[in-house]
Amino acid sequence: MGEPEGDAAYQEVRDWYGRRYRVGEDPVALIGRPRSSMLRLAWIPMAAVGVLQYGYGAAVPALMARNGWGLAGAFWLLAVWTVFQAGVGFPTAYLRERRRLGPRAVMITGAALSALGLVSLAHSTSLLGALLGYSVLGGTGAGLVYAACTSTVAKWYPERMASRVSRVTGAFAYGSVPFVVAAVIGLDAANLTPVLDVAAVALFLLVAGTGMYFRDPPARWWPAEVDPRAWGLGHIGNPGRRKNPPAIREYSALQAIRTRVMTVMYAILIGAGAVSLFNAAFVVVFASGFAAGAGVVALAAGVLAGVNGASRAVSVGISDRLGRCPTLTVVLLVQAVAQLLFALSASTGSTVAMVLAAALAGLGGGGFYPLFASIAREYFGEQSAFEVHGLVYSAKAGGGVLGVGLAALAVTSWGFATTFLVAAFVSLGSAWATGALQRPGLPSLLPSARISEQGSTPSRYAT
């Protein structure tokens, strides 16, 4: 559904790893426009639905003032939203890969559900109503849009998948900056309802309007100007191949789940995602406790969301030269440093430390997402790449419960300084765990044959 058949001539090419490619069809002949149009189209809806996640924290003070909610209750709505947004990724990828769902149907459904989520938040004063509307419907809708945008761009840019998809996912974060800044400065209990209603209409029009033009290429499509065999060896247009070799064999989603490294990846992403979500959700509430005014609060929140989005393409570019795992370790260490700076600013009241922490939190908190997508593909292969990444990405649901829901209880009980210190330890633990990421299928190393000096049997050659 939604896949062009393609009348142009093409040939089936097999590379040195046994993968097949459909080469020769021009995107203009397939869909009537260059493939770059799909990249531009995907950027718009991703920026729109990102407001549901990155803009929610900025709306929390107005929601609490209007509805009488407590801090924990307000943020548990976002925690549950994250569960549905991340959880819908795998089933959507499963159906998309089997051509049972086209991108246009997914986008329009996602647009309607996301808009309903905002309308529910605008008009519901009860936690239950907002939970069913914003968290369940809105989270599912945003997850559908996220899955459709990333998978469609990935299909049209198979030779530059990591860099192009990271640009699109970056829009999910930095696209919300105008709303975040405006919400910090001007959103209050009196104008909350009309503002969210207008945002819902705008979101639906942007997502559904662009989604109508989404098309998938034929299965295994490959651009004619790039030789897939040379690309596979890292000779042409694939500078990251030598540092990031392809999977040893193709894994299905079920086979990937059974590997040890999948468990490690899941654990790392839960921890890293929890800290990233904690920073993005609570930065406005935290910064509002400073005496510097709304301008500084807006600056901190805008910097965090903006850098979070921009860092995704940057981390992929660096990992092409240094390798995915070393880059991932550095990114998570940067996120840990940000938590220490946040804790310092909470203890001293330093706005400079707070804004710097926000910048580093954005740098570390956004950079690891595309790295995990690339690692999943390079560890488990291309055949089930979208399904496997959907499984890995679902760890964000656990991160939401830990980093938003439980973190709200921690902030209420311990205060921000202690909670940021805990977040620093979680980031450090995630960085340490990257040392256990090993490509599945490699033989285990033989144990050392060194014999200790004490208690060892003397050699017959000893003098």
Protein backbone atom coordinates (compact mmCIF):
# COMPACT_ATOMS: atom_id res chain seq x y z
CA MET A 1 0.00 0.00 0.00
CA GLY A 2 1.38 3.38 -0.98
CA GLU A 3 4.35 1.86 -2.85
CA PRO A 4 5.04 2.95 -6.43
CA GLU A 5 5.48 0.09 -8.83
CA GLY A 6 8.00 1.86 -11.02
CA ASP A 7 7.89 1.59 -14.82
CA ALA A 8 11.55 2.57 -15.27
CA ALA A 9 14.10 -0.12 -16.05
CA TYR A 10 16.07 -1.47 -13.14
CA GLN A 11 18.41 -4.31 -12.37
CA GLU A 12 18.87 -6.54 -9.35
CA VAL A 13 22.38 -6.25 -7.91
CA ARG A 14 23.90 -8.42 -5.20
CA ASP A 15 26.83 -7.13 -3.15
CA TRP A 16 29.72 -8.97 -1.48
CA TYR A 17 27.64 -9.63 1.62
CA GLY A 18 24.79 -11.24 -0.32
CA ARG A 19 22.39 -8.32 0.01
CA ARG A 20 20.15 -7.52 -2.96
CA TYR A 21 19.48 -4.06 -4.39
CA ARG A 22 17.01 -2.73 -6.93
CA VAL A 23 19.10 -0.21 -8.90
CA GLY A 24 18.27 2.10 -11.79
CA GLU A 25 14.93 3.79 -11.10
CA ASP A 26 14.82 7.58 -10.90
CA PRO A 27 12.69 8.96 -8.03
CA VAL A 28 11.18 11.49 -10.41
CA ALA A 29 9.93 8.63 -12.57
CA LEU A 30 8.56 6.83 -9.52
CA ILE A 31 6.81 9.64 -7.62
CA GLY A 32 7.15 12.70 -9.86
CA ARG A 33 9.68 14.57 -7.71
CA PRO A 34 13.22 14.12 -6.34
CA ARG A 35 13.73 12.08 -3.20
CA SER A 36 14.93 15.18 -1.34
CA SER A 37 11.28 16.24 -1.27
CA MET A 38 10.56 13.36 1.12
CA LEU A 39 13.25 14.62 3.47
CA ARG A 40 11.74 18.11 3.50
CA LEU A 41 8.22 16.77 3.90
CA ALA A 42 9.18 14.57 6.85
CA TRP A 43 10.83 17.46 8.69
CA ILE A 44 7.58 19.42 9.02
CA PRO A 45 5.38 16.83 10.81
CA MET A 46 8.24 15.74 13.04
CA ALA A 47 8.68 19.33 14.20
CA ALA A 48 4.94 19.57 14.81
CA VAL A 49 4.45 16.42 16.92
CA GLY A 50 7.64 17.07 18.89
CA VAL A 51 5.73 19.82 20.68
CA LEU A 52 3.72 17.11 22.45
CA GLN A 53 6.89 15.91 24.20
CA TYR A 54 9.29 18.85 24.41
CA GLY A 55 6.59 21.49 24.85
CA TYR A 56 4.71 19.69 27.60
CA GLY A 57 7.09 20.71 30.38
CA ALA A 58 6.65 24.36 29.41
CA ALA A 59 2.86 23.98 29.71
CA VAL A 60 2.95 22.24 33.11
CA PRO A 61 2.85 25.44 35.26
CA ALA A 62 -0.28 26.62 33.42
CA LEU A 63 -1.88 23.16 33.64
CA MET A 64 -1.22 22.95 37.38
CA ALA A 65 -2.58 26.46 37.98
CA ARG A 66 -5.77 25.89 35.98
CA ASN A 67 -6.58 22.31 37.02
CA GLY A 68 -5.19 22.20 40.53
CA TRP A 69 -2.90 19.28 39.71
CA GLY A 70 0.14 18.40 41.75
CA LEU A 71 3.60 18.12 40.23
CA ALA A 72 3.67 14.31 40.26
CA GLY A 73 0.22 13.96 38.69
CA ALA A 74 1.00 16.43 35.92
CA PHE A 75 4.23 14.69 34.95
CA TRP A 76 2.83 11.17 35.11
CA LEU A 77 0.73 12.20 32.11
CA LEU A 78 3.94 12.74 30.14
CA ALA A 79 5.39 9.46 31.45
CA VAL A 80 2.41 7.51 30.12
CA TRP A 81 2.51 9.52 26.88
CA THR A 82 6.10 8.34 26.42
CA VAL A 83 5.07 4.71 26.94
CA PHE A 84 2.54 4.89 24.10
CA GLN A 85 4.75 7.01 21.83
CA ALA A 86 7.64 4.57 22.09
CA GLY A 87 5.56 1.42 22.28
CA VAL A 88 3.78 1.90 18.96
CA GLY A 89 7.07 1.87 17.04
CA PHE A 90 7.57 -1.88 16.73
CA PRO A 91 4.04 -2.86 15.61
CA THR A 92 4.06 0.00 13.10
CA ALA A 93 7.43 -1.12 11.71
CA TYR A 94 6.20 -4.72 11.55
CA LEU A 95 3.16 -3.77 9.47
CA ARG A 96 5.10 -1.27 7.35
CA GLU A 97 7.76 -3.80 6.40
CA ARG A 98 5.09 -6.25 5.28
CA ARG A 99 3.41 -3.57 3.17
CA ARG A 100 0.19 -3.75 5.18
CA LEU A 101 0.37 -0.06 6.07
CA GLY A 102 1.32 2.73 3.71
CA PRO A 103 2.94 5.92 5.01
CA ARG A 104 -0.01 8.14 4.12
CA ALA A 105 -2.49 6.12 6.18
CA VAL A 106 -0.10 6.12 9.15
CA MET A 107 0.49 9.86 8.88
CA ILE A 108 -3.18 10.83 8.67
CA THR A 109 -4.10 8.54 11.57
CA GLY A 110 -1.20 9.94 13.58
CA ALA A 111 -2.26 13.50 12.78
CA ALA A 112 -5.82 12.91 14.01
CA LEU A 113 -4.76 11.18 17.23
CA SER A 114 -2.07 13.78 18.02
CA ALA A 115 -4.53 16.63 17.53
CA LEU A 116 -7.09 14.88 19.75
CA GLY A 117 -4.41 14.60 22.40
CA LEU A 118 -3.90 18.36 22.44
CA VAL A 119 -7.65 19.04 22.43
CA SER A 120 -8.07 16.72 25.41
CA LEU A 121 -5.31 18.53 27.27
CA ALA A 122 -6.94 21.86 26.42
CA HIS A 123 -10.40 21.00 27.75
CA SER A 124 -9.99 18.28 30.36
CA THR A 125 -9.45 19.34 33.96
CA SER A 126 -9.34 15.79 35.32
CA LEU A 127 -6.22 13.64 35.28
CA LEU A 128 -8.15 10.66 33.93
CA GLY A 129 -9.56 12.57 30.97
CA ALA A 130 -6.14 14.02 30.12
CA LEU A 131 -4.57 10.57 30.55
CA LEU A 132 -6.91 8.95 28.04
CA GLY A 133 -6.74 11.85 25.61
CA TYR A 134 -3.25 13.30 25.76
CA SER A 135 -1.28 10.29 27.02
CA VAL A 136 -2.98 7.40 25.22
CA LEU A 137 -4.33 8.98 22.02
CA GLY A 138 -1.73 11.72 21.70
CA GLY A 139 1.18 9.41 22.52
CA THR A 140 0.01 6.81 20.00
CA GLY A 141 -0.46 9.47 17.34
CA ALA A 142 2.98 10.98 17.86
CA GLY A 143 4.54 7.50 17.76
CA LEU A 144 2.82 6.76 14.44
CA VAL A 145 4.09 9.99 12.91
CA TYR A 146 7.60 9.40 14.24
CA ALA A 147 7.67 5.87 12.83
CA ALA A 148 6.29 6.87 9.44
CA CYS A 149 8.66 9.81 8.98
CA THR A 150 11.81 7.95 9.97
CA SER A 151 11.04 4.81 8.00
CA THR A 152 10.04 6.69 4.85
CA VAL A 153 13.20 8.80 4.85
CA ALA A 154 15.30 5.70 5.56
CA LYS A 155 13.80 3.89 2.57
CA TRP A 156 14.58 6.80 0.25
CA TYR A 157 18.14 7.27 1.57
CA PRO A 158 19.45 3.71 2.08
CA GLU A 159 23.04 4.81 1.40
CA ARG A 160 22.89 7.77 3.83
CA MET A 161 20.31 6.44 6.25
CA ALA A 162 21.93 7.47 9.52
CA SER A 163 22.69 11.07 8.57
CA ARG A 164 19.34 11.75 6.89
CA VAL A 165 17.19 10.11 9.57
CA SER A 166 19.10 11.96 12.29
CA ARG A 167 18.18 15.26 10.61
CA VAL A 168 14.52 14.32 10.69
CA THR A 169 14.56 13.12 14.30
CA GLY A 170 16.39 16.31 15.22
CA ALA A 171 13.34 18.27 14.10
CA PHE A 172 11.35 16.35 16.71
CA ALA A 173 13.29 18.29 19.35
CA TYR A 174 14.33 21.66 17.92
CA GLY A 175 11.04 22.12 16.06
CA SER A 176 9.40 22.71 19.43
CA VAL A 177 11.67 25.62 20.39
CA PRO A 178 9.29 28.42 19.24
CA PHE A 179 6.41 26.88 21.20
CA VAL A 180 8.58 26.31 24.28
CA VAL A 181 9.84 29.89 24.34
CA ALA A 182 6.36 31.33 23.72
CA ALA A 183 4.84 29.08 26.41
CA VAL A 184 7.40 30.12 29.01
CA ILE A 185 6.84 33.81 28.31
CA GLY A 186 3.11 34.02 27.67
CA LEU A 187 1.19 30.81 28.49
CA ASP A 188 -0.99 30.89 31.62
CA ALA A 189 -4.15 29.37 33.02
CA ALA A 190 -6.36 31.98 31.32
CA ASN A 191 -5.19 31.43 27.74
CA LEU A 192 -4.22 27.74 27.97
CA THR A 193 -7.37 26.37 26.32
CA PRO A 194 -7.40 28.57 23.19
CA VAL A 195 -3.64 28.23 22.70
CA LEU A 196 -3.79 24.43 22.80
CA ASP A 197 -6.86 24.41 20.52
CA VAL A 198 -5.01 26.49 17.93
CA ALA A 199 -1.94 24.26 18.30
CA ALA A 200 -4.12 21.19 17.71
CA VAL A 201 -5.54 22.59 14.47
CA ALA A 202 -2.11 23.67 13.24
CA LEU A 203 -0.62 20.28 14.12
CA PHE A 204 -3.34 18.37 12.25
CA LEU A 205 -3.02 20.51 9.12
CA LEU A 206 0.78 20.28 9.05
CA VAL A 207 0.96 16.54 9.68
CA ALA A 208 -1.97 15.40 7.56
CA GLY A 209 -1.21 17.90 4.80
CA THR A 210 2.37 16.73 4.34
CA GLY A 211 1.43 13.11 5.00
CA MET A 212 -0.77 13.07 1.90
CA TYR A 213 2.41 13.29 -0.20
CA PHE A 214 4.30 10.49 1.54
CA ARG A 215 5.27 7.59 -0.73
CA ASP A 216 7.50 4.56 -0.27
CA PRO A 217 10.00 3.47 -2.93
CA PRO A 218 9.89 -0.11 -4.21
CA ALA A 219 11.33 -2.73 -1.89
CA ARG A 220 15.16 -2.78 -1.85
CA TRP A 221 15.30 0.40 -3.98
CA TRP A 222 18.77 1.90 -4.39
CA PRO A 223 19.86 5.18 -6.06
CA ALA A 224 21.31 4.63 -9.51
CA GLU A 225 24.22 7.05 -9.00
CA VAL A 226 25.75 4.96 -6.17
CA ASP A 227 27.32 1.55 -6.79
CA PRO A 228 26.01 -0.60 -3.90
CA ARG A 229 28.98 -2.98 -4.10
CA ALA A 230 31.55 -0.20 -3.78
CA TRP A 231 29.41 1.43 -1.11
CA GLY A 232 29.26 -1.80 0.88
CA LEU A 233 33.06 -1.92 0.97
CA GLY A 234 33.27 1.71 2.10
CA HIS A 235 34.91 2.96 -1.10
CA ILE A 236 32.31 5.46 -2.30
CA GLY A 237 29.91 7.64 -0.29
CA ASN A 238 30.18 5.54 2.86
CA PRO A 239 32.99 6.94 5.01
CA GLY A 240 31.75 5.25 8.16
CA ARG A 241 31.96 1.68 6.84
CA ARG A 242 35.50 0.95 8.00
CA LYS A 243 34.83 2.07 11.58
CA ASN A 244 31.33 0.59 11.57
CA PRO A 245 31.29 -2.68 9.60
CA PRO A 246 27.99 -4.33 8.64
CA ALA A 247 26.29 -7.13 10.53
CA ILE A 248 27.92 -10.55 10.38
CA ARG A 249 24.56 -12.00 9.35
CA GLU A 250 20.94 -10.96 9.09
CA TYR A 251 18.84 -11.30 12.26
CA SER A 252 15.08 -11.31 12.50
CA ALA A 253 13.49 -9.31 15.30
CA LEU A 254 12.88 -12.53 17.26
CA GLN A 255 16.48 -13.64 16.82
CA ALA A 256 17.75 -10.22 17.87
CA ILE A 257 15.74 -10.36 21.11
CA ARG A 258 17.51 -13.59 22.05
CA THR A 259 20.99 -12.09 21.84
CA ARG A 260 22.82 -10.82 24.90
CA VAL A 261 23.68 -7.52 23.26
CA MET A 262 20.00 -6.64 22.79
CA THR A 263 19.52 -6.81 26.55
CA VAL A 264 22.54 -4.55 27.03
CA MET A 265 21.28 -2.05 24.45
CA TYR A 266 17.86 -2.00 26.07
CA ALA A 267 19.31 -1.37 29.53
CA ILE A 268 21.56 1.44 28.28
CA LEU A 269 18.72 3.15 26.44
CA ILE A 270 16.40 2.95 29.45
CA GLY A 271 19.00 4.72 31.59
CA ALA A 272 20.10 7.25 28.98
CA GLY A 273 16.54 7.93 27.89
CA ALA A 274 15.38 8.41 31.47
CA VAL A 275 17.95 11.15 32.08
CA SER A 276 17.29 12.83 28.73
CA LEU A 277 13.53 12.85 29.31
CA PHE A 278 14.00 14.08 32.87
CA ASN A 279 16.00 17.08 31.67
CA ALA A 280 13.60 17.95 28.85
CA ALA A 281 10.49 17.58 31.01
CA PHE A 282 11.65 19.40 34.13
CA VAL A 283 13.91 22.17 32.82
CA VAL A 284 11.16 24.80 32.86
CA VAL A 285 9.91 23.90 36.34
CA PHE A 286 13.49 23.79 37.63
CA ALA A 287 14.60 27.04 35.99
CA SER A 288 11.45 28.83 37.20
CA GLY A 289 12.82 28.53 40.72
CA PHE A 290 15.64 30.95 39.87
CA ALA A 291 15.23 34.67 40.38
CA ALA A 292 16.45 35.61 36.91
CA GLY A 293 13.03 35.92 35.25
CA ALA A 294 11.14 34.35 32.36
CA GLY A 295 13.79 35.29 29.81
CA VAL A 296 16.42 33.05 31.39
CA VAL A 297 13.89 30.23 31.79
CA ALA A 298 12.98 30.48 28.11
CA LEU A 299 16.68 30.58 27.17
CA ALA A 300 17.48 27.43 29.14
CA ALA A 301 14.48 25.50 27.81
CA GLY A 302 15.05 26.66 24.23
CA VAL A 303 18.76 25.85 24.33
CA LEU A 304 18.12 22.36 25.69
CA ALA A 305 15.52 21.49 23.03
CA GLY A 306 17.46 23.15 20.21
CA VAL A 307 20.79 21.52 21.00
CA ASN A 308 19.05 18.19 21.62
CA GLY A 309 17.81 18.21 18.05
CA ALA A 310 20.96 19.57 16.41
CA SER A 311 23.25 17.13 18.25
CA ARG A 312 21.71 14.11 16.55
CA ALA A 313 23.24 14.76 13.13
CA VAL A 314 26.50 15.86 14.77
CA SER A 315 26.86 12.62 16.75
CA VAL A 316 26.31 10.53 13.62
CA GLY A 317 28.97 12.47 11.72
CA ILE A 318 31.48 12.02 14.54
CA SER A 319 30.67 8.32 14.85
CA ASP A 320 31.45 7.81 11.16
CA ARG A 321 35.05 8.69 12.01
CA LEU A 322 35.42 7.39 15.57
CA GLY A 323 32.98 4.49 15.61
CA ARG A 324 29.45 4.25 17.04
CA CYS A 325 30.28 2.80 20.47
CA PRO A 326 33.15 5.19 21.35
CA THR A 327 30.97 8.12 20.31
CA LEU A 328 28.06 6.76 22.34
CA THR A 329 30.27 6.55 25.42
CA VAL A 330 31.38 10.18 25.03
CA VAL A 331 27.80 11.37 24.48
CA LEU A 332 26.61 9.70 27.67
CA LEU A 333 29.54 11.11 29.63
CA VAL A 334 28.60 14.60 28.40
CA GLN A 335 25.06 13.97 29.65
CA ALA A 336 26.48 12.95 33.05
CA VAL A 337 28.51 16.16 33.28
CA ALA A 338 25.33 18.12 32.53
CA GLN A 339 23.61 16.52 35.53
CA LEU A 340 26.47 17.54 37.81
CA LEU A 341 26.22 21.11 36.54
CA PHE A 342 22.46 21.08 37.11
CA ALA A 343 23.06 19.86 40.67
CA LEU A 344 25.63 22.62 41.17
CA SER A 345 23.22 25.26 39.91
CA ALA A 346 20.48 23.89 42.17
CA SER A 347 22.77 24.21 45.18
CA THR A 348 24.27 27.61 44.36
CA GLY A 349 21.50 29.32 42.39
CA SER A 350 23.90 30.01 39.51
CA THR A 351 21.99 30.81 36.33
CA VAL A 352 25.20 30.55 34.28
CA ALA A 353 25.74 26.97 35.44
CA MET A 354 22.08 26.21 34.76
CA VAL A 355 22.13 27.46 31.15
CA LEU A 356 25.45 25.70 30.47
CA ALA A 357 24.00 22.52 31.94
CA ALA A 358 20.99 22.85 29.65
CA ALA A 359 23.26 23.10 26.61
CA LEU A 360 25.28 20.04 27.65
CA ALA A 361 22.10 18.14 28.52
CA GLY A 362 20.81 18.80 25.02
CA LEU A 363 24.12 17.75 23.49
CA GLY A 364 24.22 14.48 25.38
CA GLY A 365 20.50 13.82 25.61
CA GLY A 366 19.85 13.93 21.88
CA GLY A 367 23.04 12.46 20.45
CA PHE A 368 22.52 8.87 21.56
CA TYR A 369 19.17 8.22 19.81
CA PRO A 370 20.49 8.03 16.21
CA LEU A 371 23.55 6.14 17.41
CA PHE A 372 21.34 3.37 18.74
CA ALA A 373 19.46 3.24 15.43
CA SER A 374 22.77 2.85 13.58
CA ILE A 375 24.13 0.27 16.02
CA ALA A 376 20.95 -1.80 15.71
CA ARG A 377 21.29 -1.86 11.93
CA GLU A 378 25.03 -2.60 11.96
CA TYR A 379 24.67 -5.36 14.58
CA PHE A 380 21.53 -7.09 13.31
CA GLY A 381 21.47 -6.33 9.58
CA GLU A 382 19.30 -4.50 7.08
CA GLN A 383 16.59 -7.09 6.46
CA SER A 384 14.63 -6.41 9.67
CA ALA A 385 16.30 -3.11 10.57
CA PHE A 386 13.09 -1.15 11.16
CA GLU A 387 11.54 -3.84 13.34
CA VAL A 388 14.72 -4.29 15.39
CA HIS A 389 15.07 -0.56 15.88
CA GLY A 390 11.41 -0.42 16.91
CA LEU A 391 12.22 -2.94 19.63
CA VAL A 392 15.26 -0.99 20.79
CA TYR A 393 13.39 2.33 20.68
CA SER A 394 10.62 0.87 22.85
CA ALA A 395 13.09 1.09 25.76
CA LYS A 396 12.21 4.78 25.76
CA ALA A 397 8.94 3.73 27.40
CA GLY A 398 10.85 2.46 30.43
CA GLY A 399 12.91 5.63 30.36
CA GLY A 400 9.73 7.68 30.49
CA VAL A 401 8.42 5.87 33.55
CA LEU A 402 11.78 6.18 35.30
CA GLY A 403 12.85 9.63 34.14
CA VAL A 404 9.50 11.43 34.20
CA GLY A 405 7.02 9.59 36.43
CA LEU A 406 9.33 8.34 39.17
CA ALA A 407 11.55 11.40 38.80
CA ALA A 408 8.56 13.60 39.67
CA LEU A 409 8.21 11.70 42.94
CA ALA A 410 11.96 12.00 43.53
CA VAL A 411 11.92 15.76 42.98
CA THR A 412 9.00 16.12 45.38
CA SER A 413 10.74 14.04 48.06
CA TRP A 414 14.44 14.81 47.61
CA GLY A 415 14.58 18.11 45.74
CA PHE A 416 16.30 18.88 42.46
CA ALA A 417 19.92 18.81 43.63
CA THR A 418 19.79 15.21 44.87
CA THR A 419 17.71 14.05 41.90
CA PHE A 420 20.25 15.50 39.47
CA LEU A 421 23.04 13.68 41.31
CA VAL A 422 21.13 10.42 40.92
CA ALA A 423 20.67 11.21 37.24
CA ALA A 424 24.43 11.73 36.92
CA PHE A 425 25.08 8.25 38.32
CA VAL A 426 22.52 6.76 35.93
CA SER A 427 24.27 8.43 32.97
CA LEU A 428 27.67 7.24 34.18
CA GLY A 429 26.31 3.71 34.52
CA SER A 430 24.92 3.84 31.00
CA ALA A 431 28.28 5.07 29.67
CA TRP A 432 30.10 2.28 31.51
CA ALA A 433 27.71 -0.34 30.09
CA THR A 434 28.64 0.59 26.51
CA GLY A 435 31.80 -1.46 27.05
CA ALA A 436 29.60 -4.57 26.93
CA LEU A 437 28.29 -3.79 23.44
CA GLN A 438 29.73 -6.52 21.23
CA ARG A 439 28.66 -7.33 17.70
CA PRO A 440 26.58 -10.54 17.81
CA GLY A 441 27.98 -13.54 15.95
CA LEU A 442 31.62 -12.91 16.79
CA PRO A 443 33.46 -15.83 18.41
CA SER A 444 34.22 -15.47 22.09
CA LEU A 445 37.81 -14.69 23.00
CA LEU A 446 39.86 -17.57 24.34
CA PRO A 447 40.86 -17.24 28.01
CA SER A 448 44.39 -16.20 28.80
CA ALA A 449 46.92 -19.03 29.06
CA ARG A 450 49.09 -17.08 31.51
CA ILE A 451 50.05 -19.08 34.59
CA SER A 452 50.42 -17.33 37.89
CA GLU A 453 53.81 -17.37 39.50
CA GLN A 454 52.61 -18.73 42.84
CA GLY A 455 51.30 -22.27 42.87
CA SER A 456 52.08 -22.94 39.22
CA THR A 457 53.79 -26.08 38.03
CA PRO A 458 57.48 -25.37 37.32
CA SER A 459 58.42 -25.61 33.70
CA ARG A 460 60.79 -28.36 32.74
CA TYR A 461 62.86 -25.70 31.01
CA ALA A 462 63.33 -23.68 34.21
CA THR A 463 66.88 -23.34 35.46
